[in-house]
C-alpha atoms as a PDB file:
ATOM      1  CA  UNK A   1     -10.763  25.206  43.268  1.00  0.00           C
ATOM      2  CA  UNK A   2      -8.105  26.358  45.742  1.00  0.00           C
ATOM      3  CA  UNK A   3      -8.441  24.927  49.268  1.00  0.00           C
ATOM      4  CA  UNK A   4      -8.655  28.393  50.861  1.00  0.00           C
ATOM      5  CA  UNK A   5     -11.720  29.190  48.706  1.00  0.00           C
ATOM      6  CA  UNK A   6     -13.326  25.890  49.728  1.00  0.00           C
ATOM      7  CA  UNK A   7     -12.648  26.588  53.398  1.00  0.00           C
ATOM      8  CA  UNK A   8     -14.163  30.081  53.059  1.00  0.00           C
ATOM      9  CA  UNK A   9     -17.277  28.548  51.458  1.00  0.00           C
ATOM     10  CA  UNK A  10     -17.495  25.952  54.243  1.00  0.00           C
ATOM     11  CA  UNK A  11     -17.171  28.737  56.827  1.00  0.00           C
ATOM     12  CA  UNK A  12     -19.966  30.709  55.148  1.00  0.00           C
ATOM     13  CA  UNK A  13     -17.760  33.755  54.532  1.00  0.00           C
ATOM     14  CA  UNK A  14     -19.057  35.190  51.230  1.00  0.00           C
ATOM     15  CA  UNK A  15     -16.910  38.332  51.489  1.00  0.00           C
ATOM     16  CA  UNK A  16     -13.736  36.263  51.795  1.00  0.00           C
ATOM     17  CA  UNK A  17     -14.782  34.116  48.808  1.00  0.00           C
ATOM     18  CA  UNK A  18     -15.269  37.289  46.758  1.00  0.00           C
ATOM     19  CA  UNK A  19     -11.890  38.621  47.864  1.00  0.00           C
ATOM     20  CA  UNK A  20     -10.117  35.335  47.066  1.00  0.00           C
ATOM     21  CA  UNK A  21     -11.673  35.186  43.602  1.00  0.00           C
ATOM     22  CA  UNK A  22     -10.873  38.799  42.681  1.00  0.00           C
ATOM     23  CA  UNK A  23      -9.390  38.969  40.088  1.00  0.00           C
ATOM     24  CA  UNK A  24     -10.961  35.863  38.570  1.00  0.00           C
ATOM     25  CA  UNK A  25      -8.589  32.891  38.318  1.00  0.00           C
ATOM     26  CA  UNK A  26      -7.810  31.625  34.818  1.00  0.00           C
ATOM     27  CA  UNK A  27     -10.586  29.437  33.462  1.00  0.00           C
ATOM     28  CA  UNK A  28     -13.255  30.682  35.872  1.00  0.00           C
ATOM     29  CA  UNK A  29     -16.253  32.587  34.614  1.00  0.00           C
ATOM     30  CA  UNK A  30     -18.136  35.321  36.414  1.00  0.00           C
ATOM     31  CA  UNK A  31     -21.155  33.015  36.780  1.00  0.00           C
ATOM     32  CA  UNK A  32     -18.991  30.386  38.498  1.00  0.00           C
ATOM     33  CA  UNK A  33     -17.744  33.051  40.894  1.00  0.00           C
ATOM     34  CA  UNK A  34     -21.334  34.069  41.651  1.00  0.00           C
ATOM     35  CA  UNK A  35     -22.275  30.429  42.325  1.00  0.00           C
ATOM     36  CA  UNK A  36     -19.414  30.047  44.788  1.00  0.00           C
ATOM     37  CA  UNK A  37     -20.362  33.272  46.578  1.00  0.00           C
ATOM     38  CA  UNK A  38     -23.988  32.077  46.726  1.00  0.00           C
ATOM     39  CA  UNK A  39     -22.855  28.737  48.188  1.00  0.00           C
ATOM     40  CA  UNK A  40     -20.949  30.635  50.881  1.00  0.00           C
ATOM     41  CA  UNK A  41     -24.017  32.759  51.655  1.00  0.00           C
ATOM     42  CA  UNK A  42     -26.181  29.651  51.981  1.00  0.00           C
ATOM     43  CA  UNK A  43     -23.594  27.975  54.214  1.00  0.00           C
ATOM     44  CA  UNK A  44     -23.444  31.132  56.361  1.00  0.00           C
ATOM     45  CA  UNK A  45     -27.226  31.155  56.787  1.00  0.00           C
ATOM     46  CA  UNK A  46     -27.240  27.470  57.705  1.00  0.00           C
ATOM     47  CA  UNK A  47     -24.476  27.999  60.263  1.00  0.00           C
ATOM     48  CA  UNK A  48     -26.363  30.977  61.741  1.00  0.00           C
ATOM     49  CA  UNK A  49     -29.380  28.692  62.216  1.00  0.00           C
ATOM     50  CA  UNK A  50     -27.204  26.159  64.050  1.00  0.00           C
ATOM     51  CA  UNK A  51     -27.342  23.649  61.203  1.00  0.00           C
ATOM     52  CA  UNK A  52     -24.345  22.083  59.471  1.00  0.00           C
ATOM     53  CA  UNK A  53     -22.971  24.163  56.604  1.00  0.00           C
ATOM     54  CA  UNK A  54     -23.964  21.506  54.077  1.00  0.00           C
ATOM     55  CA  UNK A  55     -27.210  19.581  54.057  1.00  0.00           C
ATOM     56  CA  UNK A  56     -26.587  15.861  54.243  1.00  0.00           C
ATOM     57  CA  UNK A  57     -28.529  14.551  51.303  1.00  0.00           C
ATOM     58  CA  UNK A  58     -28.423  11.110  49.802  1.00  0.00           C
ATOM     59  CA  UNK A  59     -28.987  10.389  46.120  1.00  0.00           C
ATOM     60  CA  UNK A  60     -32.420   9.026  45.352  1.00  0.00           C
ATOM     61  CA  UNK A  61     -32.860   5.290  45.360  1.00  0.00           C
ATOM     62  CA  UNK A  62     -33.974   5.327  41.724  1.00  0.00           C
ATOM     63  CA  UNK A  63     -30.802   7.021  40.487  1.00  0.00           C
ATOM     64  CA  UNK A  64     -28.494   3.991  40.536  1.00  0.00           C
ATOM     65  CA  UNK A  65     -30.742   1.602  38.594  1.00  0.00           C
ATOM     66  CA  UNK A  66     -31.272   4.319  35.985  1.00  0.00           C
ATOM     67  CA  UNK A  67     -27.504   4.741  35.576  1.00  0.00           C
ATOM     68  CA  UNK A  68     -26.991   0.992  35.278  1.00  0.00           C
ATOM     69  CA  UNK A  69     -29.745   0.750  32.692  1.00  0.00           C
ATOM     70  CA  UNK A  70     -27.871   3.250  30.531  1.00  0.00           C
ATOM     71  CA  UNK A  71     -24.720   1.138  30.823  1.00  0.00           C
ATOM     72  CA  UNK A  72     -22.511   3.796  32.390  1.00  0.00           C
ATOM     73  CA  UNK A  73     -22.690   2.548  35.967  1.00  0.00           C
ATOM     74  CA  UNK A  74     -19.652   1.048  37.586  1.00  0.00           C
ATOM     75  CA  UNK A  75     -17.074   3.151  35.759  1.00  0.00           C
ATOM     76  CA  UNK A  76     -13.919   3.482  37.859  1.00  0.00           C
ATOM     77  CA  UNK A  77     -13.569   6.856  39.557  1.00  0.00           C
ATOM     78  CA  UNK A  78     -10.075   7.405  38.165  1.00  0.00           C
ATOM     79  CA  UNK A  79     -11.467   7.279  34.599  1.00  0.00           C
ATOM     80  CA  UNK A  80     -14.013  10.053  35.191  1.00  0.00           C
ATOM     81  CA  UNK A  81     -12.423  13.419  34.571  1.00  0.00           C
ATOM     82  CA  UNK A  82     -14.277  16.580  35.608  1.00  0.00           C
ATOM     83  CA  UNK A  83     -14.996  19.060  32.863  1.00  0.00           C
ATOM     84  CA  UNK A  84     -12.797  22.142  32.754  1.00  0.00           C
ATOM     85  CA  UNK A  85     -14.209  24.785  35.062  1.00  0.00           C
ATOM     86  CA  UNK A  86     -16.504  22.336  36.890  1.00  0.00           C
ATOM     87  CA  UNK A  87     -17.706  23.804  40.154  1.00  0.00           C
ATOM     88  CA  UNK A  88     -18.706  21.419  42.911  1.00  0.00           C
ATOM     89  CA  UNK A  89     -22.035  22.378  44.412  1.00  0.00           C
ATOM     90  CA  UNK A  90     -23.593  21.776  47.792  1.00  0.00           C
ATOM     91  CA  UNK A  91     -24.844  18.342  46.723  1.00  0.00           C
ATOM     92  CA  UNK A  92     -21.384  17.143  45.724  1.00  0.00           C
ATOM     93  CA  UNK A  93     -19.877  18.481  48.924  1.00  0.00           C
ATOM     94  CA  UNK A  94     -22.556  16.758  51.011  1.00  0.00           C
ATOM     95  CA  UNK A  95     -21.982  13.424  49.269  1.00  0.00           C
ATOM     96  CA  UNK A  96     -18.207  13.644  49.744  1.00  0.00           C
ATOM     97  CA  UNK A  97     -18.669  14.654  53.397  1.00  0.00           C
ATOM     98  CA  UNK A  98     -20.872  11.582  53.950  1.00  0.00           C
ATOM     99  CA  UNK A  99     -18.366   9.338  52.166  1.00  0.00           C
ATOM    100  CA  UNK A 100     -15.439  10.694  54.168  1.00  0.00           C
ATOM    101  CA  UNK A 101     -17.380  10.208  57.401  1.00  0.00           C
ATOM    102  CA  UNK A 102     -18.081   6.586  56.431  1.00  0.00           C
ATOM    103  CA  UNK A 103     -14.450   6.053  55.431  1.00  0.00           C
ATOM    104  CA  UNK A 104     -13.370   7.190  58.895  1.00  0.00           C
ATOM    105  CA  UNK A 105     -14.933   4.036  60.365  1.00  0.00           C
ATOM    106  CA  UNK A 106     -13.026   1.686  58.061  1.00  0.00           C
ATOM    107  CA  UNK A 107      -9.748   0.025  58.905  1.00  0.00           C
ATOM    108  CA  UNK A 108      -7.537   1.906  56.438  1.00  0.00           C
ATOM    109  CA  UNK A 109      -3.747   2.211  56.495  1.00  0.00           C
ATOM    110  CA  UNK A 110      -2.313   5.092  58.509  1.00  0.00           C
ATOM    111  CA  UNK A 111      -2.722   8.408  56.722  1.00  0.00           C
ATOM    112  CA  UNK A 112      -5.158   7.176  54.058  1.00  0.00           C
ATOM    113  CA  UNK A 113      -8.201   8.861  55.591  1.00  0.00           C
ATOM    114  CA  UNK A 114      -6.337  12.131  56.130  1.00  0.00           C
ATOM    115  CA  UNK A 115      -5.032  12.012  52.543  1.00  0.00           C
ATOM    116  CA  UNK A 116      -8.608  11.676  51.298  1.00  0.00           C
ATOM    117  CA  UNK A 117      -9.676  14.580  53.521  1.00  0.00           C
ATOM    118  CA  UNK A 118      -6.966  16.688  51.903  1.00  0.00           C
ATOM    119  CA  UNK A 119      -8.350  15.873  48.458  1.00  0.00           C
ATOM    120  CA  UNK A 120     -11.944  16.908  49.259  1.00  0.00           C
ATOM    121  CA  UNK A 121     -12.126  19.516  46.475  1.00  0.00           C
ATOM    122  CA  UNK A 122     -10.763  17.085  43.875  1.00  0.00           C
ATOM    123  CA  UNK A 123     -13.262  14.433  44.958  1.00  0.00           C
ATOM    124  CA  UNK A 124     -16.130  16.931  44.703  1.00  0.00           C
ATOM    125  CA  UNK A 125     -15.015  17.929  41.217  1.00  0.00           C
ATOM    126  CA  UNK A 126     -14.704  14.286  40.194  1.00  0.00           C
ATOM    127  CA  UNK A 127     -18.326  13.461  41.058  1.00  0.00           C
ATOM    128  CA  UNK A 128     -19.792  16.753  39.806  1.00  0.00           C
ATOM    129  CA  UNK A 129     -20.493  15.509  36.238  1.00  0.00           C
ATOM    130  CA  UNK A 130     -22.266  12.385  37.526  1.00  0.00           C
ATOM    131  CA  UNK A 131     -24.362  14.369  40.039  1.00  0.00           C
ATOM    132  CA  UNK A 132     -25.272  16.807  37.269  1.00  0.00           C
ATOM    133  CA  UNK A 133     -26.333  13.925  35.002  1.00  0.00           C
ATOM    134  CA  UNK A 134     -28.513  12.461  37.766  1.00  0.00           C
ATOM    135  CA  UNK A 135     -30.045  15.895  38.364  1.00  0.00           C
ATOM    136  CA  UNK A 136     -30.740  16.290  34.627  1.00  0.00           C
ATOM    137  CA  UNK A 137     -32.344  12.838  34.421  1.00  0.00           C
ATOM    138  CA  UNK A 138     -34.593  13.630  37.387  1.00  0.00           C
ATOM    139  CA  UNK A 139     -35.580  16.929  35.787  1.00  0.00           C
ATOM    140  CA  UNK A 140     -36.380  15.233  32.477  1.00  0.00           C
ATOM    141  CA  UNK A 141     -38.455  12.562  34.215  1.00  0.00           C
ATOM    142  CA  UNK A 142     -40.403  15.215  36.108  1.00  0.00           C
ATOM    143  CA  UNK A 143     -40.881  17.320  32.991  1.00  0.00           C
ATOM    144  CA  UNK A 144     -42.264  14.430  30.956  1.00  0.00           C
ATOM    145  CA  UNK A 145     -44.349  12.887  33.770  1.00  0.00           C
ATOM    146  CA  UNK A 146     -48.051  12.709  33.168  1.00  0.00           C
ATOM    147  CA  UNK A 147     -50.601  12.973  35.918  1.00  0.00           C
END
């Protein structure tokens, strides 16, 4: 996703997102465009209420043990490749925002934190498949739960 589209989503400007994505970029579907516009609308409403554009949510405590039980935990981030056309949602953006905020407090070499900030969209896309898998597992657990 181009950085200007991400900044328009963060600013809550749905009209600008629509304008930037018209005509649709190669590899983007109409439903992906609608999702991005919806994310911008939600961010705009949150900003109008005086809240941050993205809700700061943490993954559930049960998600990591579940991933380790399946044997796919601990895979290096550079091995995980986002699927073509993956759109980072609000959850991914919130996780990356929290990670970047935590990274700011670390003693990193000059320019490392700003380089990571510049790669926010790529980081969101990189974690999108894992967040989706966690979401699907939670849905399946809730669907099969018995009272």
